[in-house]
Each structure stands twice: as C-alpha cells, then as structure tokens.
C-alpha cells in the first residue's frame, strides 16, 4: 500500500459482525470528512442499525511523514 505524506491507512471492522463470525474488515486512507467515513462504512457493510460498533484493527505506515527512528528521539 502506498502512503502519501499527511495520510494514514487504517483497517476498520465491526464488533457485531466479527462476533457473529463474519469479519468485514476494510482498509481506508485518512483523513476523510465525517460524511465520507459514514459513506465508506455504509458502502462496505460495516455499520447498520444492529451493528453500530466499529474498531480499528491495524494501520499501514507511520502517519504524517514521521519516521520510525525519529519518533522517540530527543
């Protein structure tokens, strides 16, 4: 997955579907507006009236141009 500076890619899932044995984790690149995130959740079957609780299970890359070696320096 390629990473643009100023973005982070996260994997989003739904606790209800996961508990029912139907994991539906999907990747999304942030930032997005609230409306874009809601649309993403709906389009990918990650949230509905009976399945409201979502989670972030993973991420790709270090966000916002940081580098592993520089996170804890100083």
C-alpha atoms as a PDB file:
ATOM      1  CA  UNK A   1       0.000   0.000   0.000  1.00  0.00           C
ATOM      2  CA  UNK A   2       1.483   3.365  -0.907  1.00  0.00           C
ATOM      3  CA  UNK A   3       1.415   6.102   1.681  1.00  0.00           C
ATOM      4  CA  UNK A   4       1.077   9.803   0.856  1.00  0.00           C
ATOM      5  CA  UNK A   5       2.594  12.306   3.243  1.00  0.00           C
ATOM      6  CA  UNK A   6      -0.106  13.522   5.637  1.00  0.00           C
ATOM      7  CA  UNK A   7      -2.206  10.352   5.458  1.00  0.00           C
ATOM      8  CA  UNK A   8      -2.595   7.113   7.375  1.00  0.00           C
ATOM      9  CA  UNK A   9      -4.264   3.947   6.131  1.00  0.00           C
ATOM     10  CA  UNK A  10      -6.304   2.056   8.733  1.00  0.00           C
ATOM     11  CA  UNK A  11      -8.230  -1.212   8.755  1.00  0.00           C
ATOM     12  CA  UNK A  12     -11.781  -0.790  10.102  1.00  0.00           C
ATOM     13  CA  UNK A  13     -14.027  -3.618  11.254  1.00  0.00           C
ATOM     14  CA  UNK A  14     -17.312  -4.127  13.104  1.00  0.00           C
ATOM     15  CA  UNK A  15     -17.532  -5.871  16.501  1.00  0.00           C
ATOM     16  CA  UNK A  16     -21.028  -7.266  15.908  1.00  0.00           C
ATOM     17  CA  UNK A  17     -20.213  -8.903  12.587  1.00  0.00           C
ATOM     18  CA  UNK A  18     -16.905 -10.156  13.983  1.00  0.00           C
ATOM     19  CA  UNK A  19     -18.704 -11.756  16.960  1.00  0.00           C
ATOM     20  CA  UNK A  20     -21.154 -13.405  14.545  1.00  0.00           C
ATOM     21  CA  UNK A  21     -18.244 -14.984  12.643  1.00  0.00           C
ATOM     22  CA  UNK A  22     -18.467 -12.583   9.700  1.00  0.00           C
ATOM     23  CA  UNK A  23     -15.386 -10.315   9.854  1.00  0.00           C
ATOM     24  CA  UNK A  24     -15.709  -7.490   7.335  1.00  0.00           C
ATOM     25  CA  UNK A  25     -12.527  -5.523   7.861  1.00  0.00           C
ATOM     26  CA  UNK A  26     -11.790  -2.951   5.138  1.00  0.00           C
ATOM     27  CA  UNK A  27      -8.929  -0.519   4.561  1.00  0.00           C
ATOM     28  CA  UNK A  28      -9.454   3.258   4.268  1.00  0.00           C
ATOM     29  CA  UNK A  29      -6.973   6.091   3.860  1.00  0.00           C
ATOM     30  CA  UNK A  30      -7.458   9.039   6.200  1.00  0.00           C
ATOM     31  CA  UNK A  31      -8.064  11.911   6.574  1.00  0.00           C
ATOM     32  CA  UNK A  32     -11.666  11.915   5.305  1.00  0.00           C
ATOM     33  CA  UNK A  33     -14.660  14.041   6.212  1.00  0.00           C
ATOM     34  CA  UNK A  34     -17.300  12.651   8.569  1.00  0.00           C
ATOM     35  CA  UNK A  35     -19.655  12.242   5.608  1.00  0.00           C
ATOM     36  CA  UNK A  36     -17.027  10.320   3.610  1.00  0.00           C
ATOM     37  CA  UNK A  37     -16.371   7.986   6.538  1.00  0.00           C
ATOM     38  CA  UNK A  38     -20.099   7.348   7.066  1.00  0.00           C
ATOM     39  CA  UNK A  39     -20.481   6.604   3.340  1.00  0.00           C
ATOM     40  CA  UNK A  40     -17.484   4.246   3.450  1.00  0.00           C
ATOM     41  CA  UNK A  41     -18.979   2.361   6.408  1.00  0.00           C
ATOM     42  CA  UNK A  42     -22.348   2.041   4.658  1.00  0.00           C
ATOM     43  CA  UNK A  43     -20.908   1.093   1.259  1.00  0.00           C
ATOM     44  CA  UNK A  44     -18.753  -1.640   2.809  1.00  0.00           C
ATOM     45  CA  UNK A  45     -21.432  -3.088   5.115  1.00  0.00           C
ATOM     46  CA  UNK A  46     -19.540  -2.092   8.244  1.00  0.00           C
ATOM     47  CA  UNK A  47     -22.331  -0.310  10.086  1.00  0.00           C
ATOM     48  CA  UNK A  48     -26.116  -0.564  10.262  1.00  0.00           C
ATOM     49  CA  UNK A  49     -28.899  -0.244  12.856  1.00  0.00           C
ATOM     50  CA  UNK A  50     -27.989  -3.549  14.534  1.00  0.00           C
ATOM     51  CA  UNK A  51     -24.214  -3.363  14.033  1.00  0.00           C
ATOM     52  CA  UNK A  52     -23.052   0.024  15.279  1.00  0.00           C
ATOM     53  CA  UNK A  53     -19.701  -0.599  16.991  1.00  0.00           C
ATOM     54  CA  UNK A  54     -16.676  -0.277  14.748  1.00  0.00           C
ATOM     55  CA  UNK A  55     -12.977  -0.684  15.542  1.00  0.00           C
ATOM     56  CA  UNK A  56      -9.588  -0.010  14.000  1.00  0.00           C
ATOM     57  CA  UNK A  57      -7.609  -3.236  13.923  1.00  0.00           C
ATOM     58  CA  UNK A  58      -4.465  -2.231  12.058  1.00  0.00           C
ATOM     59  CA  UNK A  59      -2.720   0.633  10.318  1.00  0.00           C
ATOM     60  CA  UNK A  60      -0.240   0.934   7.491  1.00  0.00           C
ATOM     61  CA  UNK A  61       2.720   3.241   7.677  1.00  0.00           C
ATOM     62  CA  UNK A  62       3.708   5.899  10.139  1.00  0.00           C
ATOM     63  CA  UNK A  63       1.392   8.884   9.785  1.00  0.00           C
ATOM     64  CA  UNK A  64       2.180  12.407   8.748  1.00  0.00           C
ATOM     65  CA  UNK A  65       5.681  11.960   7.463  1.00  0.00           C
ATOM     66  CA  UNK A  66       7.216  10.614  10.684  1.00  0.00           C
ATOM     67  CA  UNK A  67       9.946   8.003  10.545  1.00  0.00           C
ATOM     68  CA  UNK A  68      10.399   5.082  12.950  1.00  0.00           C
ATOM     69  CA  UNK A  69      13.813   6.287  14.089  1.00  0.00           C
ATOM     70  CA  UNK A  70      12.624   9.807  14.827  1.00  0.00           C
ATOM     71  CA  UNK A  71       9.523   9.025  16.889  1.00  0.00           C
ATOM     72  CA  UNK A  72      11.330   8.651  20.205  1.00  0.00           C
ATOM     73  CA  UNK A  73      14.414  10.777  19.581  1.00  0.00           C
ATOM     74  CA  UNK A  74      15.250  13.624  21.958  1.00  0.00           C
END
